[in-house]
Structure formats: structure tokens, C-alpha cells
């Protein structure tokens, strides 16, 4: 099983209700989306949707922060 991935939101133009800038979001693997320069994110609705890849920057979280973020989801 692959470790959960996270990204920080850099832009939310047109998606202000669904995404908050500077917030950490969980990324779900989606190779088809990546081919179209999109990323699958669990957004503010709690569901996963596709967004432009350039709206996000992937991040690596230290283990204590990773546990805290996953516990808060």
C-alpha cells in the first residue's frame, strides 16, 4: 500500500468554495488525470475532484505532522 500523498493549495481561481489557498489537501493517485495535467484532491466537500495540477505543490510531511493531519481528516 502506497503512503498517502499531500499537496498544498497555491491557487483557487474559480474554485473559491471548494479550495482554500495555503491549505494542505490529500491527493488521490490518478494516472489518467495526470496525463491531462490534473490532480485528484479531496476538497472542502469531503469528496474527490479533479483540479489543475498547477494549483498545487506536492509536499512531504514529517511523521508527527502526517499523523496529526490524517487524524484530523
PDB file of N, CA and C in Angstrom:
ATOM      1  N   UNK A   1       0.851  -1.185   0.000  1.00  0.00           N
ATOM      2  CA  UNK A   1       0.000   0.000   0.000  1.00  0.00           C
ATOM      3  C   UNK A   1       0.889   1.239   0.000  1.00  0.00           C
ATOM      4  N   UNK A   2       0.601   2.150  -0.884  1.00  0.00           N
ATOM      5  CA  UNK A   2       1.388   3.373  -1.013  1.00  0.00           C
ATOM      6  C   UNK A   2       0.977   4.384   0.052  1.00  0.00           C
ATOM      7  N   UNK A   3       1.957   5.119   0.581  1.00  0.00           N
ATOM      8  CA  UNK A   3       1.673   6.134   1.593  1.00  0.00           C
ATOM      9  C   UNK A   3       0.785   7.226   1.008  1.00  0.00           C
ATOM     10  N   UNK A   4      -0.060   7.778   1.852  1.00  0.00           N
ATOM     11  CA  UNK A   4      -0.933   8.865   1.391  1.00  0.00           C
ATOM     12  C   UNK A   4      -0.086  10.058   0.989  1.00  0.00           C
ATOM     13  N   UNK A   5      -0.529  10.741  -0.049  1.00  0.00           N
ATOM     14  CA  UNK A   5       0.185  11.901  -0.565  1.00  0.00           C
ATOM     15  C   UNK A   5      -0.592  13.163  -0.228  1.00  0.00           C
ATOM     16  N   UNK A   6       0.161  14.268  -0.091  1.00  0.00           N
ATOM     17  CA  UNK A   6      -0.443  15.546   0.249  1.00  0.00           C
ATOM     18  C   UNK A   6       0.105  16.630  -0.653  1.00  0.00           C
ATOM     19  N   UNK A   7      -0.691  17.709  -0.782  1.00  0.00           N
ATOM     20  CA  UNK A   7      -0.269  18.870  -1.566  1.00  0.00           C
ATOM     21  C   UNK A   7      -0.838  20.109  -0.893  1.00  0.00           C
ATOM     22  N   UNK A   8      -0.138  21.217  -1.066  1.00  0.00           N
ATOM     23  CA  UNK A   8      -0.627  22.486  -0.554  1.00  0.00           C
ATOM     24  C   UNK A   8      -1.237  23.264  -1.717  1.00  0.00           C
ATOM     25  N   UNK A   9      -2.382  23.890  -1.459  1.00  0.00           N
ATOM     26  CA  UNK A   9      -3.090  24.656  -2.486  1.00  0.00           C
ATOM     27  C   UNK A   9      -2.408  26.014  -2.654  1.00  0.00           C
ATOM     28  N   UNK A  10      -2.030  26.328  -3.880  1.00  0.00           N
ATOM     29  CA  UNK A  10      -1.383  27.600  -4.196  1.00  0.00           C
ATOM     30  C   UNK A  10      -2.350  28.591  -4.832  1.00  0.00           C
ATOM     31  N   UNK A  11      -3.299  28.070  -5.592  1.00  0.00           N
ATOM     32  CA  UNK A  11      -4.275  28.907  -6.305  1.00  0.00           C
ATOM     33  C   UNK A  11      -5.653  28.270  -6.163  1.00  0.00           C
ATOM     34  N   UNK A  12      -6.686  29.096  -6.206  1.00  0.00           N
ATOM     35  CA  UNK A  12      -8.047  28.554  -6.186  1.00  0.00           C
ATOM     36  C   UNK A  12      -8.976  29.334  -7.119  1.00  0.00           C
ATOM     37  N   UNK A  13      -8.409  30.009  -8.105  1.00  0.00           N
ATOM     38  CA  UNK A  13      -9.193  30.818  -9.048  1.00  0.00           C
ATOM     39  C   UNK A  13     -10.324  29.997  -9.664  1.00  0.00           C
ATOM     40  N   UNK A  14     -11.563  30.451  -9.434  1.00  0.00           N
ATOM     41  CA  UNK A  14     -12.726  29.753  -9.967  1.00  0.00           C
ATOM     42  C   UNK A  14     -13.224  28.631  -9.074  1.00  0.00           C
ATOM     43  N   UNK A  15     -12.468  28.303  -8.016  1.00  0.00           N
ATOM     44  CA  UNK A  15     -12.845  27.213  -7.109  1.00  0.00           C
ATOM     45  C   UNK A  15     -12.805  27.680  -5.660  1.00  0.00           C
ATOM     46  N   UNK A  16     -13.152  28.955  -5.419  1.00  0.00           N
ATOM     47  CA  UNK A  16     -13.025  29.538  -4.084  1.00  0.00           C
ATOM     48  C   UNK A  16     -13.834  28.803  -3.017  1.00  0.00           C
ATOM     49  N   UNK A  17     -14.960  28.207  -3.394  1.00  0.00           N
ATOM     50  CA  UNK A  17     -15.789  27.480  -2.429  1.00  0.00           C
ATOM     51  C   UNK A  17     -15.186  26.110  -2.115  1.00  0.00           C
ATOM     52  N   UNK A  18     -14.515  25.510  -3.083  1.00  0.00           N
ATOM     53  CA  UNK A  18     -14.016  24.150  -2.948  1.00  0.00           C
ATOM     54  C   UNK A  18     -12.596  24.051  -2.405  1.00  0.00           C
ATOM     55  N   UNK A  19     -11.794  25.103  -2.601  1.00  0.00           N
ATOM     56  CA  UNK A  19     -10.384  25.068  -2.226  1.00  0.00           C
ATOM     57  C   UNK A  19      -9.994  26.311  -1.442  1.00  0.00           C
ATOM     58  N   UNK A  20      -9.132  26.129  -0.445  1.00  0.00           N
ATOM     59  CA  UNK A  20      -8.580  27.249   0.309  1.00  0.00           C
ATOM     60  C   UNK A  20      -7.085  27.334   0.019  1.00  0.00           C
ATOM     61  N   UNK A  21      -6.638  28.520  -0.382  1.00  0.00           N
ATOM     62  CA  UNK A  21      -5.202  28.698  -0.619  1.00  0.00           C
ATOM     63  C   UNK A  21      -4.439  28.470   0.681  1.00  0.00           C
ATOM     64  N   UNK A  22      -3.255  27.893   0.562  1.00  0.00           N
ATOM     65  CA  UNK A  22      -2.323  27.592   1.658  1.00  0.00           C
ATOM     66  C   UNK A  22      -2.787  26.428   2.533  1.00  0.00           C
ATOM     67  N   UNK A  23      -3.847  25.743   2.176  1.00  0.00           N
ATOM     68  CA  UNK A  23      -4.325  24.596   2.948  1.00  0.00           C
ATOM     69  C   UNK A  23      -3.737  23.309   2.382  1.00  0.00           C
ATOM     70  N   UNK A  24      -3.522  22.341   3.252  1.00  0.00           N
ATOM     71  CA  UNK A  24      -2.999  21.029   2.858  1.00  0.00           C
ATOM     72  C   UNK A  24      -4.179  20.122   2.507  1.00  0.00           C
ATOM     73  N   UNK A  25      -4.072  19.468   1.350  1.00  0.00           N
ATOM     74  CA  UNK A  25      -5.105  18.542   0.890  1.00  0.00           C
ATOM     75  C   UNK A  25      -4.503  17.169   0.611  1.00  0.00           C
ATOM     76  N   UNK A  26      -5.323  16.140   0.805  1.00  0.00           N
ATOM     77  CA  UNK A  26      -4.905  14.792   0.449  1.00  0.00           C
ATOM     78  C   UNK A  26      -5.069  14.594  -1.049  1.00  0.00           C
ATOM     79  N   UNK A  27      -4.073  13.975  -1.654  1.00  0.00           N
ATOM     80  CA  UNK A  27      -4.062  13.687  -3.090  1.00  0.00           C
ATOM     81  C   UNK A  27      -4.373  12.209  -3.285  1.00  0.00           C
ATOM     82  N   UNK A  28      -5.234  11.905  -4.221  1.00  0.00           N
ATOM     83  CA  UNK A  28      -5.514  10.518  -4.581  1.00  0.00           C
ATOM     84  C   UNK A  28      -4.840  10.215  -5.914  1.00  0.00           C
ATOM     85  N   UNK A  29      -4.151   9.082  -6.006  1.00  0.00           N
ATOM     86  CA  UNK A  29      -3.480   8.737  -7.263  1.00  0.00           C
ATOM     87  C   UNK A  29      -4.485   8.629  -8.414  1.00  0.00           C
ATOM     88  N   UNK A  30      -4.131   9.217  -9.554  1.00  0.00           N
ATOM     89  CA  UNK A  30      -4.978   9.146 -10.740  1.00  0.00           C
ATOM     90  C   UNK A  30      -4.092   9.390 -11.960  1.00  0.00           C
ATOM     91  N   UNK A  31      -3.595   8.316 -12.543  1.00  0.00           N
ATOM     92  CA  UNK A  31      -2.657   8.447 -13.658  1.00  0.00           C
ATOM     93  C   UNK A  31      -3.322   9.044 -14.895  1.00  0.00           C
ATOM     94  N   UNK A  32      -4.613   8.781 -15.103  1.00  0.00           N
ATOM     95  CA  UNK A  32      -5.309   9.387 -16.246  1.00  0.00           C
ATOM     96  C   UNK A  32      -5.404  10.896 -16.086  1.00  0.00           C
ATOM     97  N   UNK A  33      -5.700  11.351 -14.881  1.00  0.00           N
ATOM     98  CA  UNK A  33      -5.779  12.795 -14.621  1.00  0.00           C
ATOM     99  C   UNK A  33      -4.419  13.449 -14.857  1.00  0.00           C
ATOM    100  N   UNK A  34      -3.357  12.797 -14.402  1.00  0.00           N
ATOM    101  CA  UNK A  34      -2.006  13.358 -14.557  1.00  0.00           C
ATOM    102  C   UNK A  34      -1.657  13.561 -16.028  1.00  0.00           C
ATOM    103  N   UNK A  35      -2.139  12.687 -16.899  1.00  0.00           N
ATOM    104  CA  UNK A  35      -1.891  12.830 -18.336  1.00  0.00           C
ATOM    105  C   UNK A  35      -2.496  14.122 -18.886  1.00  0.00           C
ATOM    106  N   UNK A  36      -3.517  14.622 -18.200  1.00  0.00           N
ATOM    107  CA  UNK A  36      -4.214  15.843 -18.631  1.00  0.00           C
ATOM    108  C   UNK A  36      -3.859  17.038 -17.742  1.00  0.00           C
ATOM    109  N   UNK A  37      -2.740  16.905 -17.033  1.00  0.00           N
ATOM    110  CA  UNK A  37      -2.245  17.955 -16.117  1.00  0.00           C
ATOM    111  C   UNK A  37      -3.268  18.316 -15.048  1.00  0.00           C
ATOM    112  N   UNK A  38      -3.923  17.289 -14.536  1.00  0.00           N
ATOM    113  CA  UNK A  38      -4.866  17.486 -13.447  1.00  0.00           C
ATOM    114  C   UNK A  38      -4.456  16.632 -12.261  1.00  0.00           C
ATOM    115  N   UNK A  39      -5.016  16.962 -11.101  1.00  0.00           N
ATOM    116  CA  UNK A  39      -4.709  16.237  -9.869  1.00  0.00           C
ATOM    117  C   UNK A  39      -6.027  15.970  -9.150  1.00  0.00           C
ATOM    118  N   UNK A  40      -6.141  14.781  -8.545  1.00  0.00           N
ATOM    119  CA  UNK A  40      -7.375  14.415  -7.828  1.00  0.00           C
ATOM    120  C   UNK A  40      -7.167  14.736  -6.344  1.00  0.00           C
ATOM    121  N   UNK A  41      -8.005  15.641  -5.835  1.00  0.00           N
ATOM    122  CA  UNK A  41      -7.886  16.165  -4.478  1.00  0.00           C
ATOM    123  C   UNK A  41      -9.176  15.897  -3.710  1.00  0.00           C
ATOM    124  N   UNK A  42      -9.047  15.566  -2.425  1.00  0.00           N
ATOM    125  CA  UNK A  42     -10.219  15.541  -1.549  1.00  0.00           C
ATOM    126  C   UNK A  42     -10.396  16.979  -1.074  1.00  0.00           C
ATOM    127  N   UNK A  43     -11.436  17.635  -1.566  1.00  0.00           N
ATOM    128  CA  UNK A  43     -11.600  19.078  -1.328  1.00  0.00           C
ATOM    129  C   UNK A  43     -12.492  19.361  -0.116  1.00  0.00           C
ATOM    130  N   UNK A  44     -12.962  20.607  -0.005  1.00  0.00           N
ATOM    131  CA  UNK A  44     -13.766  21.042   1.135  1.00  0.00           C
ATOM    132  C   UNK A  44     -15.089  20.297   1.269  1.00  0.00           C
ATOM    133  N   UNK A  45     -15.578  19.717   0.176  1.00  0.00           N
ATOM    134  CA  UNK A  45     -16.836  18.968   0.235  1.00  0.00           C
ATOM    135  C   UNK A  45     -16.643  17.603   0.889  1.00  0.00           C
ATOM    136  N   UNK A  46     -15.366  17.158   0.988  1.00  0.00           N
ATOM    137  CA  UNK A  46     -15.080  15.827   1.520  1.00  0.00           C
ATOM    138  C   UNK A  46     -15.034  14.773   0.434  1.00  0.00           C
ATOM    139  N   UNK A  47     -15.350  15.168  -0.791  1.00  0.00           N
ATOM    140  CA  UNK A  47     -15.292  14.260  -1.937  1.00  0.00           C
ATOM    141  C   UNK A  47     -14.056  14.580  -2.764  1.00  0.00           C
ATOM    142  N   UNK A  48     -13.712  13.662  -3.671  1.00  0.00           N
ATOM    143  CA  UNK A  48     -12.546  13.904  -4.521  1.00  0.00           C
ATOM    144  C   UNK A  48     -12.978  14.422  -5.882  1.00  0.00           C
ATOM    145  N   UNK A  49     -12.239  15.433  -6.345  1.00  0.00           N
ATOM    146  CA  UNK A  49     -12.496  16.050  -7.644  1.00  0.00           C
ATOM    147  C   UNK A  49     -11.177  16.358  -8.328  1.00  0.00           C
ATOM    148  N   UNK A  50     -11.239  16.574  -9.625  1.00  0.00           N
ATOM    149  CA  UNK A  50     -10.051  16.939 -10.396  1.00  0.00           C
ATOM    150  C   UNK A  50      -9.886  18.454 -10.428  1.00  0.00           C
ATOM    151  N   UNK A  51      -8.634  18.874 -10.276  1.00  0.00           N
ATOM    152  CA  UNK A  51      -8.273  20.289 -10.346  1.00  0.00           C
ATOM    153  C   UNK A  51      -7.010  20.424 -11.172  1.00  0.00           C
ATOM    154  N   UNK A  52      -6.734  21.628 -11.681  1.00  0.00           N
ATOM    155  CA  UNK A  52      -5.479  21.833 -12.425  1.00  0.00           C
ATOM    156  C   UNK A  52      -4.272  21.543 -11.522  1.00  0.00           C
ATOM    157  N   UNK A  53      -3.313  20.791 -12.051  1.00  0.00           N
ATOM    158  CA  UNK A  53      -2.112  20.433 -11.284  1.00  0.00           C
ATOM    159  C   UNK A  53      -1.367  21.663 -10.784  1.00  0.00           C
ATOM    160  N   UNK A  54      -1.354  22.740 -11.587  1.00  0.00           N
ATOM    161  CA  UNK A  54      -0.564  23.903 -11.207  1.00  0.00           C
ATOM    162  C   UNK A  54      -1.198  24.696 -10.062  1.00  0.00           C
ATOM    163  N   UNK A  55      -2.349  24.272  -9.578  1.00  0.00           N
ATOM    164  CA  UNK A  55      -2.956  24.894  -8.401  1.00  0.00           C
ATOM    165  C   UNK A  55      -2.321  24.366  -7.111  1.00  0.00           C
ATOM    166  N   UNK A  56      -1.514  23.313  -7.209  1.00  0.00           N
ATOM    167  CA  UNK A  56      -0.988  22.628  -6.028  1.00  0.00           C
ATOM    168  C   UNK A  56       0.514  22.379  -6.129  1.00  0.00           C
ATOM    169  N   UNK A  57       1.148  22.255  -4.959  1.00  0.00           N
ATOM    170  CA  UNK A  57       2.549  21.840  -4.870  1.00  0.00           C
ATOM    171  C   UNK A  57       2.591  20.622  -3.949  1.00  0.00           C
ATOM    172  N   UNK A  58       3.172  19.515  -4.429  1.00  0.00           N
ATOM    173  CA  UNK A  58       3.265  18.333  -3.571  1.00  0.00           C
ATOM    174  C   UNK A  58       4.183  18.622  -2.384  1.00  0.00           C
ATOM    175  N   UNK A  59       3.845  18.049  -1.239  1.00  0.00           N
ATOM    176  CA  UNK A  59       4.666  18.244  -0.041  1.00  0.00           C
ATOM    177  C   UNK A  59       4.883  16.919   0.669  1.00  0.00           C
ATOM    178  N   UNK A  60       6.004  16.818   1.360  1.00  0.00           N
ATOM    179  CA  UNK A  60       6.313  15.692   2.231  1.00  0.00           C
ATOM    180  C   UNK A  60       6.169  16.186   3.665  1.00  0.00           C
ATOM    181  N   UNK A  61       5.374  15.498   4.454  1.00  0.00           N
ATOM    182  CA  UNK A  61       5.160  15.908   5.835  1.00  0.00           C
ATOM    183  C   UNK A  61       6.003  15.057   6.780  1.00  0.00           C
ATOM    184  N   UNK A  62       6.622  15.677   7.788  1.00  0.00           N
ATOM    185  CA  UNK A  62       7.310  14.887   8.816  1.00  0.00           C
ATOM    186  C   UNK A  62       6.296  13.965   9.507  1.00  0.00           C
ATOM    187  N   UNK A  63       6.738  12.827   9.983  1.00  0.00           N
ATOM    188  CA  UNK A  63       5.849  11.806  10.530  1.00  0.00           C
ATOM    189  C   UNK A  63       4.872  12.327  11.593  1.00  0.00           C
ATOM    190  N   UNK A  64       5.291  13.125  12.578  1.00  0.00           N
ATOM    191  CA  UNK A  64       4.325  13.601  13.575  1.00  0.00           C
ATOM    192  C   UNK A  64       3.230  14.482  12.960  1.00  0.00           C
ATOM    193  N   UNK A  65       3.589  15.299  11.986  1.00  0.00           N
ATOM    194  CA  UNK A  65       2.601  16.161  11.326  1.00  0.00           C
ATOM    195  C   UNK A  65       1.690  15.323  10.445  1.00  0.00           C
ATOM    196  N   UNK A  66       2.252  14.341   9.749  1.00  0.00           N
ATOM    197  CA  UNK A  66       1.462  13.429   8.907  1.00  0.00           C
ATOM    198  C   UNK A  66       0.383  12.749   9.745  1.00  0.00           C
ATOM    199  N   UNK A  67       0.782  12.237  10.931  1.00  0.00           N
ATOM    200  CA  UNK A  67      -0.204  11.575  11.801  1.00  0.00           C
ATOM    201  C   UNK A  67      -1.295  12.547  12.242  1.00  0.00           C
ATOM    202  N   UNK A  68      -0.907  13.769  12.595  1.00  0.00           N
ATOM    203  CA  UNK A  68      -1.876  14.769  13.034  1.00  0.00           C
ATOM    204  C   UNK A  68      -2.844  15.134  11.907  1.00  0.00           C
ATOM    205  N   UNK A  69      -2.335  15.306  10.694  1.00  0.00           N
ATOM    206  CA  UNK A  69      -3.179  15.650   9.557  1.00  0.00           C
ATOM    207  C   UNK A  69      -4.140  14.507   9.262  1.00  0.00           C
ATOM    208  N   UNK A  70      -3.664  13.283   9.267  1.00  0.00           N
ATOM    209  CA  UNK A  70      -4.536  12.139   8.979  1.00  0.00           C
ATOM    210  C   UNK A  70      -5.588  11.957  10.074  1.00  0.00           C
ATOM    211  N   UNK A  71      -5.240  12.261  11.313  1.00  0.00           N
ATOM    212  CA  UNK A  71      -6.202  12.140  12.406  1.00  0.00           C
ATOM    213  C   UNK A  71      -7.297  13.192  12.298  1.00  0.00           C
ATOM    214  N   UNK A  72      -6.968  14.319  11.693  1.00  0.00           N
ATOM    215  CA  UNK A  72      -7.930  15.417  11.577  1.00  0.00           C
ATOM    216  C   UNK A  72      -8.874  15.249  10.392  1.00  0.00           C
ATOM    217  N   UNK A  73      -8.588  14.301   9.519  1.00  0.00           N
ATOM    218  CA  UNK A  73      -9.410  14.116   8.316  1.00  0.00           C
ATOM    219  C   UNK A  73     -10.661  13.340   8.646  1.00  0.00           C
TER     220      UNK A  73
END
